[in-house]
Amino acid sequence: IKLLVYCLCLTLLIISALVVPREVSGQEGETLSVRCWYSRGYEGYNKYWCRGAARGSCHKVVETAGRDVPRQHGRVSITDNHIFCVVLLTVQELSMEDAGSYWCGVERAGWDIMEPVTVRVTPGDHYPRFLGTGAGAKCRTSSFCAGEWRGRAWGRWAGWEGAAPRSSQGH
């Protein structure tokens, strides 16, 4: 009986070593942040985010190398806060291809601690691009830019570069 209680307690300790939301969602073009809390004692361990439907088929997207300084790989960054025992994954300019199964992991000798997170991406608002004269019109698709386009006069639009906007659907 003592052995059974010990094994049960050990299993609970391992299971509760990581806490993540089961599912997160974001809109295409926005920035998505996911937090992964870990138990005290794992501060110096390498933490990572990997992508794949199962533990065995998971490919690392970004990792901390055990340090508490932010690391970036393309649009994806990871930050490990050793004081609050939380890993933050940030995906900039979210795309539909980013949807899928991810895992927060703590690298250990033998068996890594991993918890799955499902990322859902909803389509963003697709606004027409604009053509200008001279230097041309430039506007990156973002909620800020779209909000300014819908809500303000052209002359006061902070995100606008260029002259006389003309709509060009699909270009």
N, C-alpha and C. Protein backbone atom coordinates (compact mmCIF):
# COMPACT_ATOMS: atom_id res chain seq x y z
N ILE A 1 0.84 -1.20 0.00
CA ILE A 1 0.00 0.00 0.00
C ILE A 1 0.88 1.25 0.00
N LYS A 2 1.95 1.25 0.78
CA LYS A 2 2.83 2.43 0.81
C LYS A 2 3.42 2.69 -0.57
N LEU A 3 3.80 1.63 -1.26
CA LEU A 3 4.35 1.79 -2.60
C LEU A 3 3.30 2.37 -3.55
N LEU A 4 2.07 1.93 -3.44
CA LEU A 4 0.99 2.45 -4.28
C LEU A 4 0.76 3.93 -4.02
N VAL A 5 0.75 4.33 -2.76
CA VAL A 5 0.57 5.74 -2.41
C VAL A 5 1.75 6.56 -2.93
N TYR A 6 2.97 6.05 -2.78
CA TYR A 6 4.16 6.74 -3.27
C TYR A 6 4.07 6.93 -4.79
N CYS A 7 3.71 5.87 -5.52
CA CYS A 7 3.60 5.97 -6.98
C CYS A 7 2.52 6.96 -7.38
N LEU A 8 1.39 6.95 -6.67
CA LEU A 8 0.31 7.89 -6.96
C LEU A 8 0.76 9.33 -6.73
N CYS A 9 1.44 9.57 -5.62
CA CYS A 9 1.93 10.92 -5.32
C CYS A 9 2.96 11.36 -6.37
N LEU A 10 3.84 10.48 -6.75
CA LEU A 10 4.84 10.79 -7.76
C LEU A 10 4.18 11.11 -9.10
N THR A 11 3.17 10.33 -9.46
CA THR A 11 2.43 10.58 -10.71
C THR A 11 1.75 11.93 -10.67
N LEU A 12 1.11 12.28 -9.57
CA LEU A 12 0.46 13.58 -9.44
C LEU A 12 1.47 14.71 -9.53
N LEU A 13 2.64 14.53 -8.95
CA LEU A 13 3.68 15.55 -9.02
C LEU A 13 4.11 15.77 -10.47
N ILE A 14 4.30 14.70 -11.21
CA ILE A 14 4.72 14.81 -12.61
C ILE A 14 3.61 15.44 -13.45
N ILE A 15 2.37 15.01 -13.24
CA ILE A 15 1.25 15.55 -14.01
C ILE A 15 1.07 17.03 -13.75
N SER A 16 1.22 17.46 -12.50
CA SER A 16 0.97 18.86 -12.16
C SER A 16 2.21 19.74 -12.36
N ALA A 17 3.29 19.18 -12.93
CA ALA A 17 4.51 19.96 -13.12
C ALA A 17 4.32 21.06 -14.15
N LEU A 18 3.39 20.91 -15.09
CA LEU A 18 3.10 21.92 -16.10
C LEU A 18 1.60 22.22 -16.12
N VAL A 19 1.28 23.49 -16.23
CA VAL A 19 -0.12 23.90 -16.35
C VAL A 19 -0.23 24.79 -17.57
N VAL A 20 -1.06 24.37 -18.52
CA VAL A 20 -1.28 25.14 -19.75
C VAL A 20 -2.77 25.15 -20.06
N PRO A 21 -3.22 26.14 -20.82
CA PRO A 21 -4.61 26.08 -21.28
C PRO A 21 -4.72 24.95 -22.31
N ARG A 22 -5.82 24.26 -22.33
CA ARG A 22 -6.00 23.17 -23.30
C ARG A 22 -6.15 23.70 -24.72
N GLU A 23 -6.73 24.90 -24.83
CA GLU A 23 -6.97 25.48 -26.15
C GLU A 23 -6.84 26.99 -26.08
N VAL A 24 -6.22 27.57 -27.10
CA VAL A 24 -6.13 29.03 -27.23
C VAL A 24 -6.51 29.37 -28.66
N SER A 25 -6.98 30.59 -28.86
CA SER A 25 -7.33 30.99 -30.21
C SER A 25 -6.94 32.44 -30.45
N GLY A 26 -6.69 32.73 -31.70
CA GLY A 26 -6.33 34.08 -32.10
C GLY A 26 -6.80 34.32 -33.51
N GLN A 27 -6.81 35.58 -33.88
CA GLN A 27 -7.25 35.95 -35.22
C GLN A 27 -6.03 36.11 -36.13
N GLU A 28 -6.20 35.69 -37.34
CA GLU A 28 -5.16 35.80 -38.36
C GLU A 28 -4.62 37.24 -38.39
N GLY A 29 -3.30 37.37 -38.40
CA GLY A 29 -2.66 38.69 -38.45
C GLY A 29 -2.33 39.26 -37.09
N GLU A 30 -2.92 38.72 -36.03
CA GLU A 30 -2.67 39.24 -34.69
C GLU A 30 -1.51 38.50 -34.04
N THR A 31 -1.18 38.91 -32.81
CA THR A 31 -0.16 38.24 -32.01
C THR A 31 -0.85 37.35 -31.00
N LEU A 32 -0.38 36.12 -30.88
CA LEU A 32 -0.93 35.15 -29.94
C LEU A 32 0.10 34.87 -28.86
N SER A 33 -0.33 34.88 -27.60
CA SER A 33 0.55 34.54 -26.48
C SER A 33 -0.05 33.38 -25.71
N VAL A 34 0.81 32.43 -25.34
CA VAL A 34 0.39 31.26 -24.56
C VAL A 34 1.33 31.13 -23.38
N ARG A 35 0.76 30.95 -22.18
CA ARG A 35 1.57 30.79 -20.98
C ARG A 35 1.58 29.33 -20.54
N CYS A 36 2.73 28.90 -20.06
CA CYS A 36 2.92 27.54 -19.57
C CYS A 36 3.61 27.66 -18.21
N TRP A 37 2.88 27.34 -17.13
CA TRP A 37 3.44 27.43 -15.78
C TRP A 37 4.08 26.11 -15.41
N TYR A 38 5.22 26.17 -14.75
CA TYR A 38 5.91 24.95 -14.32
C TYR A 38 6.19 25.01 -12.82
N SER A 39 6.44 23.85 -12.24
CA SER A 39 6.69 23.75 -10.80
C SER A 39 8.06 24.31 -10.45
N ARG A 40 8.16 24.88 -9.27
CA ARG A 40 9.43 25.37 -8.76
C ARG A 40 10.42 24.21 -8.73
N GLY A 41 11.64 24.50 -9.07
CA GLY A 41 12.66 23.46 -9.15
C GLY A 41 13.10 23.20 -10.59
N TYR A 42 12.28 23.65 -11.55
CA TYR A 42 12.61 23.46 -12.96
C TYR A 42 13.13 24.73 -13.61
N GLU A 43 13.49 25.72 -12.82
CA GLU A 43 13.92 27.01 -13.38
C GLU A 43 15.08 26.89 -14.36
N GLY A 44 16.09 26.10 -14.05
CA GLY A 44 17.28 26.01 -14.88
C GLY A 44 17.19 25.01 -16.03
N TYR A 45 16.06 24.34 -16.15
CA TYR A 45 15.89 23.34 -17.20
C TYR A 45 15.53 24.01 -18.53
N ASN A 46 15.86 23.33 -19.62
CA ASN A 46 15.47 23.81 -20.94
C ASN A 46 13.96 23.62 -21.12
N LYS A 47 13.28 24.70 -21.49
CA LYS A 47 11.86 24.62 -21.81
C LYS A 47 11.70 24.85 -23.30
N TYR A 48 10.66 24.29 -23.88
CA TYR A 48 10.47 24.42 -25.31
C TYR A 48 9.00 24.34 -25.68
N TRP A 49 8.71 24.80 -26.90
CA TRP A 49 7.41 24.62 -27.53
C TRP A 49 7.69 23.79 -28.76
N CYS A 50 6.91 22.74 -28.93
CA CYS A 50 7.07 21.94 -30.13
C CYS A 50 5.70 21.74 -30.76
N ARG A 51 5.73 21.33 -32.01
CA ARG A 51 4.48 21.17 -32.77
C ARG A 51 4.36 19.74 -33.26
N GLY A 52 3.18 19.17 -33.07
CA GLY A 52 2.91 17.81 -33.52
C GLY A 52 1.71 17.25 -32.80
N ALA A 53 1.04 16.30 -33.43
CA ALA A 53 -0.18 15.73 -32.86
C ALA A 53 0.11 14.86 -31.64
N ALA A 54 1.30 14.27 -31.57
CA ALA A 54 1.63 13.38 -30.46
C ALA A 54 3.03 13.69 -29.93
N ARG A 55 3.28 13.25 -28.71
CA ARG A 55 4.59 13.49 -28.08
C ARG A 55 5.74 13.05 -28.99
N GLY A 56 5.62 11.87 -29.54
CA GLY A 56 6.70 11.30 -30.34
C GLY A 56 6.94 11.98 -31.68
N SER A 57 5.94 12.68 -32.17
CA SER A 57 6.08 13.33 -33.49
C SER A 57 6.21 14.84 -33.36
N CYS A 58 6.56 15.30 -32.18
CA CYS A 58 6.64 16.73 -31.89
C CYS A 58 8.00 17.28 -32.31
N HIS A 59 7.99 18.36 -33.10
CA HIS A 59 9.22 19.00 -33.56
C HIS A 59 9.35 20.36 -32.89
N LYS A 60 10.50 20.61 -32.26
CA LYS A 60 10.71 21.87 -31.54
C LYS A 60 10.60 23.07 -32.46
N VAL A 61 9.86 24.06 -31.98
CA VAL A 61 9.70 25.31 -32.71
C VAL A 61 10.67 26.34 -32.16
N VAL A 62 10.78 26.38 -30.82
CA VAL A 62 11.66 27.34 -30.15
C VAL A 62 11.94 26.80 -28.75
N GLU A 63 13.13 27.12 -28.21
CA GLU A 63 13.49 26.64 -26.87
C GLU A 63 14.30 27.68 -26.12
N THR A 64 14.35 27.51 -24.79
CA THR A 64 15.01 28.51 -23.93
C THR A 64 16.48 28.23 -23.67
N ALA A 65 16.93 27.02 -23.85
CA ALA A 65 18.29 26.61 -23.50
C ALA A 65 18.55 26.78 -22.01
N GLY A 66 17.48 26.74 -21.20
CA GLY A 66 17.61 26.83 -19.75
C GLY A 66 17.85 28.23 -19.22
N ARG A 67 17.82 29.22 -20.09
CA ARG A 67 18.10 30.60 -19.68
C ARG A 67 16.82 31.40 -19.60
N ASP A 68 16.88 32.50 -18.86
CA ASP A 68 15.69 33.33 -18.70
C ASP A 68 15.73 34.57 -19.58
N VAL A 69 16.40 34.47 -20.71
CA VAL A 69 16.42 35.58 -21.68
C VAL A 69 15.55 35.18 -22.87
N PRO A 70 14.84 36.12 -23.46
CA PRO A 70 13.98 35.79 -24.60
C PRO A 70 14.79 35.25 -25.78
N ARG A 71 14.20 34.28 -26.48
CA ARG A 71 14.81 33.73 -27.68
C ARG A 71 13.76 33.76 -28.78
N GLN A 72 14.22 34.00 -30.00
CA GLN A 72 13.29 34.13 -31.11
C GLN A 72 13.73 33.26 -32.28
N HIS A 73 12.74 32.71 -32.96
CA HIS A 73 12.97 31.96 -34.20
C HIS A 73 11.88 32.37 -35.17
N GLY A 74 12.21 33.25 -36.10
CA GLY A 74 11.21 33.77 -37.03
C GLY A 74 10.15 34.59 -36.31
N ARG A 75 8.90 34.22 -36.51
CA ARG A 75 7.78 34.95 -35.88
C ARG A 75 7.48 34.45 -34.48
N VAL A 76 8.20 33.43 -34.03
CA VAL A 76 7.91 32.79 -32.74
C VAL A 76 9.00 33.11 -31.74
N SER A 77 8.59 33.51 -30.52
CA SER A 77 9.57 33.77 -29.47
C SER A 77 9.15 33.05 -28.19
N ILE A 78 10.13 32.82 -27.33
CA ILE A 78 9.88 32.16 -26.05
C ILE A 78 10.63 32.92 -24.96
N THR A 79 9.99 33.08 -23.83
CA THR A 79 10.60 33.74 -22.68
C THR A 79 10.32 32.90 -21.45
N ASP A 80 11.34 32.64 -20.66
CA ASP A 80 11.20 31.86 -19.43
C ASP A 80 11.41 32.80 -18.25
N ASN A 81 10.38 33.01 -17.46
CA ASN A 81 10.48 33.86 -16.28
C ASN A 81 10.73 32.95 -15.07
N HIS A 82 11.98 32.91 -14.61
CA HIS A 82 12.35 32.03 -13.50
C HIS A 82 11.74 32.47 -12.18
N ILE A 83 11.40 33.74 -12.03
CA ILE A 83 10.81 34.22 -10.78
C ILE A 83 9.38 33.71 -10.63
N PHE A 84 8.59 33.80 -11.70
CA PHE A 84 7.19 33.38 -11.64
C PHE A 84 6.96 31.97 -12.18
N CYS A 85 8.04 31.30 -12.60
CA CYS A 85 7.97 29.93 -13.11
C CYS A 85 6.94 29.81 -14.24
N VAL A 86 7.10 30.65 -15.25
CA VAL A 86 6.19 30.62 -16.39
C VAL A 86 6.97 30.82 -17.68
N VAL A 87 6.61 30.06 -18.69
CA VAL A 87 7.19 30.19 -20.02
C VAL A 87 6.13 30.86 -20.89
N LEU A 88 6.53 31.87 -21.64
CA LEU A 88 5.62 32.58 -22.52
C LEU A 88 6.02 32.33 -23.97
N LEU A 89 5.09 31.79 -24.74
CA LEU A 89 5.27 31.62 -26.18
C LEU A 89 4.51 32.73 -26.87
N THR A 90 5.15 33.40 -27.81
CA THR A 90 4.49 34.46 -28.57
C THR A 90 4.66 34.18 -30.06
N VAL A 91 3.54 34.21 -30.78
CA VAL A 91 3.56 34.04 -32.23
C VAL A 91 3.06 35.35 -32.83
N GLN A 92 3.91 36.01 -33.60
CA GLN A 92 3.53 37.27 -34.23
C GLN A 92 2.93 36.99 -35.61
N GLU A 93 2.07 37.90 -36.05
CA GLU A 93 1.45 37.79 -37.38
C GLU A 93 0.88 36.39 -37.61
N LEU A 94 0.00 35.99 -36.72
CA LEU A 94 -0.62 34.67 -36.75
C LEU A 94 -1.22 34.37 -38.12
N SER A 95 -0.97 33.16 -38.62
CA SER A 95 -1.53 32.76 -39.91
C SER A 95 -2.35 31.48 -39.72
N MET A 96 -3.18 31.17 -40.68
CA MET A 96 -4.01 29.98 -40.61
C MET A 96 -3.15 28.72 -40.49
N GLU A 97 -1.95 28.75 -41.06
CA GLU A 97 -1.04 27.60 -40.99
C GLU A 97 -0.51 27.36 -39.58
N ASP A 98 -0.64 28.35 -38.69
CA ASP A 98 -0.17 28.20 -37.31
C ASP A 98 -1.13 27.36 -36.46
N ALA A 99 -2.34 27.12 -36.95
CA ALA A 99 -3.31 26.32 -36.19
C ALA A 99 -2.81 24.89 -36.07
N GLY A 100 -3.09 24.27 -34.93
CA GLY A 100 -2.70 22.88 -34.76
C GLY A 100 -2.36 22.54 -33.32
N SER A 101 -1.70 21.41 -33.15
CA SER A 101 -1.34 20.91 -31.83
C SER A 101 0.09 21.28 -31.48
N TYR A 102 0.26 21.86 -30.31
CA TYR A 102 1.56 22.25 -29.79
C TYR A 102 1.73 21.62 -28.42
N TRP A 103 2.96 21.60 -27.95
CA TRP A 103 3.26 21.07 -26.62
C TRP A 103 4.22 22.02 -25.92
N CYS A 104 3.96 22.27 -24.66
CA CYS A 104 4.92 22.95 -23.80
C CYS A 104 5.72 21.83 -23.15
N GLY A 105 7.05 21.94 -23.18
CA GLY A 105 7.86 20.87 -22.63
C GLY A 105 8.99 21.36 -21.75
N VAL A 106 9.35 20.52 -20.78
CA VAL A 106 10.53 20.74 -19.94
C VAL A 106 11.43 19.54 -20.19
N GLU A 107 12.64 19.82 -20.67
CA GLU A 107 13.58 18.77 -21.01
C GLU A 107 14.21 18.20 -19.76
N ARG A 108 14.09 16.88 -19.60
CA ARG A 108 14.71 16.21 -18.46
C ARG A 108 15.41 14.95 -18.95
N ALA A 109 16.31 14.45 -18.15
CA ALA A 109 16.97 13.19 -18.49
C ALA A 109 15.90 12.09 -18.48
N GLY A 110 15.87 11.30 -19.52
CA GLY A 110 14.87 10.24 -19.58
C GLY A 110 13.60 10.67 -20.27
N TRP A 111 12.65 11.19 -19.55
CA TRP A 111 11.32 11.49 -20.08
C TRP A 111 10.99 12.95 -19.86
N ASP A 112 10.80 13.72 -20.93
CA ASP A 112 10.43 15.13 -20.80
C ASP A 112 9.02 15.27 -20.23
N ILE A 113 8.80 16.36 -19.52
CA ILE A 113 7.45 16.69 -19.07
C ILE A 113 6.83 17.51 -20.18
N MET A 114 5.66 17.11 -20.65
CA MET A 114 5.02 17.81 -21.77
C MET A 114 3.51 17.89 -21.55
N GLU A 115 2.94 19.03 -21.95
CA GLU A 115 1.49 19.20 -21.91
C GLU A 115 1.03 19.79 -23.24
N PRO A 116 -0.08 19.27 -23.81
CA PRO A 116 -0.55 19.74 -25.11
C PRO A 116 -1.39 21.01 -25.04
N VAL A 117 -1.32 21.80 -26.10
CA VAL A 117 -2.13 23.00 -26.27
C VAL A 117 -2.62 23.01 -27.73
N THR A 118 -3.91 23.17 -27.92
CA THR A 118 -4.45 23.29 -29.27
C THR A 118 -4.57 24.77 -29.63
N VAL A 119 -3.99 25.14 -30.75
CA VAL A 119 -4.07 26.53 -31.23
C VAL A 119 -5.07 26.59 -32.38
N ARG A 120 -6.06 27.44 -32.22
CA ARG A 120 -7.06 27.67 -33.26
C ARG A 120 -6.86 29.08 -33.81
N VAL A 121 -6.98 29.22 -35.11
CA VAL A 121 -6.83 30.52 -35.76
C VAL A 121 -8.10 30.82 -36.54
N THR A 122 -8.68 31.98 -36.28
CA THR A 122 -9.86 32.39 -37.02
C THR A 122 -9.44 33.36 -38.12
N PRO A 123 -10.15 33.33 -39.24
CA PRO A 123 -9.79 34.24 -40.34
C PRO A 123 -9.83 35.69 -39.90
N GLY A 124 -8.87 36.46 -40.38
CA GLY A 124 -8.83 37.88 -40.07
C GLY A 124 -9.70 38.65 -41.04
N ASP A 125 -9.89 39.91 -40.73
CA ASP A 125 -10.62 40.79 -41.64
C ASP A 125 -9.71 41.08 -42.82
N HIS A 126 -10.17 40.78 -43.99
CA HIS A 126 -9.37 41.03 -45.18
C HIS A 126 -9.85 42.32 -45.83
N TYR A 127 -9.05 43.34 -45.70
CA TYR A 127 -9.38 44.63 -46.27
C TYR A 127 -8.69 44.78 -47.61
N PRO A 128 -9.29 45.54 -48.51
CA PRO A 128 -8.64 45.73 -49.81
C PRO A 128 -7.34 46.48 -49.66
N ARG A 129 -6.39 46.16 -50.50
CA ARG A 129 -5.14 46.93 -50.51
C ARG A 129 -5.38 48.22 -51.27
N PHE A 130 -4.52 49.18 -51.06
CA PHE A 130 -4.70 50.48 -51.69
C PHE A 130 -3.47 50.83 -52.50
N LEU A 131 -3.71 51.46 -53.63
CA LEU A 131 -2.62 51.91 -54.48
C LEU A 131 -2.56 53.42 -54.41
N GLY A 132 -1.36 53.96 -54.32
CA GLY A 132 -1.21 55.40 -54.28
C GLY A 132 -0.36 55.87 -55.44
N THR A 133 -0.11 57.14 -55.47
CA THR A 133 0.76 57.68 -56.51
C THR A 133 2.07 58.07 -55.86
N GLY A 134 3.07 58.31 -56.63
CA GLY A 134 4.36 58.71 -56.08
C GLY A 134 5.00 57.57 -55.32
N ALA A 135 5.19 57.76 -54.03
CA ALA A 135 5.86 56.76 -53.19
C ALA A 135 5.02 55.50 -53.05
N GLY A 136 3.73 55.57 -53.34
CA GLY A 136 2.87 54.41 -53.22
C GLY A 136 2.24 54.33 -51.84
N ALA A 137 1.29 53.45 -51.72
CA ALA A 137 0.57 53.29 -50.46
C ALA A 137 1.03 52.00 -49.81
N LYS A 138 1.29 52.08 -48.53
CA LYS A 138 1.74 50.90 -47.81
C LYS A 138 0.91 50.74 -46.55
N CYS A 139 0.41 49.56 -46.33
CA CYS A 139 -0.32 49.28 -45.10
C CYS A 139 -0.21 47.79 -44.84
N ARG A 140 0.45 47.43 -43.76
CA ARG A 140 0.51 46.03 -43.40
C ARG A 140 -0.83 45.65 -42.79
N THR A 141 -1.30 44.45 -43.07
CA THR A 141 -2.57 44.00 -42.51
C THR A 141 -2.40 43.83 -41.01
N SER A 142 -3.13 44.59 -40.24
CA SER A 142 -3.14 44.45 -38.79
C SER A 142 -4.41 45.07 -38.27
N SER A 143 -4.78 44.72 -37.05
CA SER A 143 -6.00 45.28 -36.49
C SER A 143 -5.85 46.78 -36.30
N PHE A 144 -4.63 47.26 -36.00
CA PHE A 144 -4.42 48.70 -35.84
C PHE A 144 -4.69 49.39 -37.17
N CYS A 145 -4.07 48.87 -38.20
CA CYS A 145 -4.20 49.48 -39.52
C CYS A 145 -5.65 49.42 -39.98
N ALA A 146 -6.29 48.27 -39.81
CA ALA A 146 -7.67 48.11 -40.23
C ALA A 146 -8.59 49.03 -39.44
N GLY A 147 -8.34 49.15 -38.14
CA GLY A 147 -9.16 50.02 -37.30
C GLY A 147 -9.01 51.47 -37.71
N GLU A 148 -7.79 51.87 -38.04
CA GLU A 148 -7.56 53.24 -38.48
C GLU A 148 -8.23 53.47 -39.83
N TRP A 149 -8.17 52.46 -40.71
CA TRP A 149 -8.78 52.60 -42.03
C TRP A 149 -10.28 52.82 -41.91
N ARG A 150 -10.92 52.06 -41.00
CA ARG A 150 -12.36 52.16 -40.87
C ARG A 150 -12.79 53.38 -40.07
N GLY A 151 -11.97 53.82 -39.12
CA GLY A 151 -12.45 54.79 -38.16
C GLY A 151 -11.98 56.22 -38.32
N ARG A 152 -11.06 56.50 -39.20
CA ARG A 152 -10.51 57.86 -39.27
C ARG A 152 -10.42 58.37 -40.69
N ALA A 153 -10.32 59.66 -40.79
CA ALA A 153 -10.13 60.28 -42.10
C ALA A 153 -8.72 59.96 -42.59
N TRP A 154 -8.56 59.88 -43.90
CA TRP A 154 -7.27 59.51 -44.47
C TRP A 154 -6.13 60.40 -43.99
N GLY A 155 -6.35 61.70 -43.91
CA GLY A 155 -5.29 62.62 -43.53
C GLY A 155 -4.78 62.42 -42.12
N ARG A 156 -5.59 61.82 -41.26
CA ARG A 156 -5.18 61.62 -39.87
C ARG A 156 -4.76 60.19 -39.60
N TRP A 157 -4.66 59.38 -40.60
CA TRP A 157 -4.36 57.97 -40.44
C TRP A 157 -2.87 57.76 -40.23
N ALA A 158 -2.49 57.37 -39.03
CA ALA A 158 -1.07 57.24 -38.68
C ALA A 158 -0.38 56.15 -39.50
N GLY A 159 -1.11 55.13 -39.92
CA GLY A 159 -0.50 54.03 -40.64
C GLY A 159 -0.39 54.24 -42.14
N TRP A 160 -0.83 55.37 -42.64
CA TRP A 160 -0.88 55.61 -44.07
C TRP A 160 0.40 56.24 -44.58
N GLU A 161 0.95 55.68 -45.62
CA GLU A 161 2.08 56.28 -46.32
C GLU A 161 1.71 56.34 -47.78
N GLY A 162 1.75 57.48 -48.37
CA GLY A 162 1.43 57.58 -49.79
C GLY A 162 0.31 58.57 -50.04
N ALA A 163 -0.13 58.62 -51.27
CA ALA A 163 -1.12 59.61 -51.66
C ALA A 163 -2.38 58.94 -52.16
N ALA A 164 -3.40 59.73 -52.37
CA ALA A 164 -4.69 59.38 -52.96
C ALA A 164 -4.99 57.89 -53.04
N PRO A 165 -5.61 57.31 -52.01
CA PRO A 165 -5.89 55.87 -52.02
C PRO A 165 -6.92 55.48 -53.08
N ARG A 166 -6.65 54.34 -53.74
CA ARG A 166 -7.62 53.74 -54.66
C ARG A 166 -7.73 52.28 -54.27
N SER A 167 -8.92 51.77 -54.24
CA SER A 167 -9.12 50.37 -53.90
C SER A 167 -8.71 49.49 -55.07
N SER A 168 -8.06 48.38 -54.74
CA SER A 168 -7.72 47.40 -55.77
C SER A 168 -8.00 46.03 -55.19
N GLN A 169 -9.18 45.55 -55.29
CA GLN A 169 -9.58 44.26 -54.72
C GLN A 169 -8.67 43.15 -55.23
N GLY A 170 -8.20 42.32 -54.27
CA GLY A 170 -7.44 41.12 -54.62
C GLY A 170 -6.01 41.33 -55.03
N HIS A 171 -5.46 42.55 -54.91
CA HIS A 171 -4.05 42.77 -55.29
C HIS A 171 -3.27 43.17 -54.09
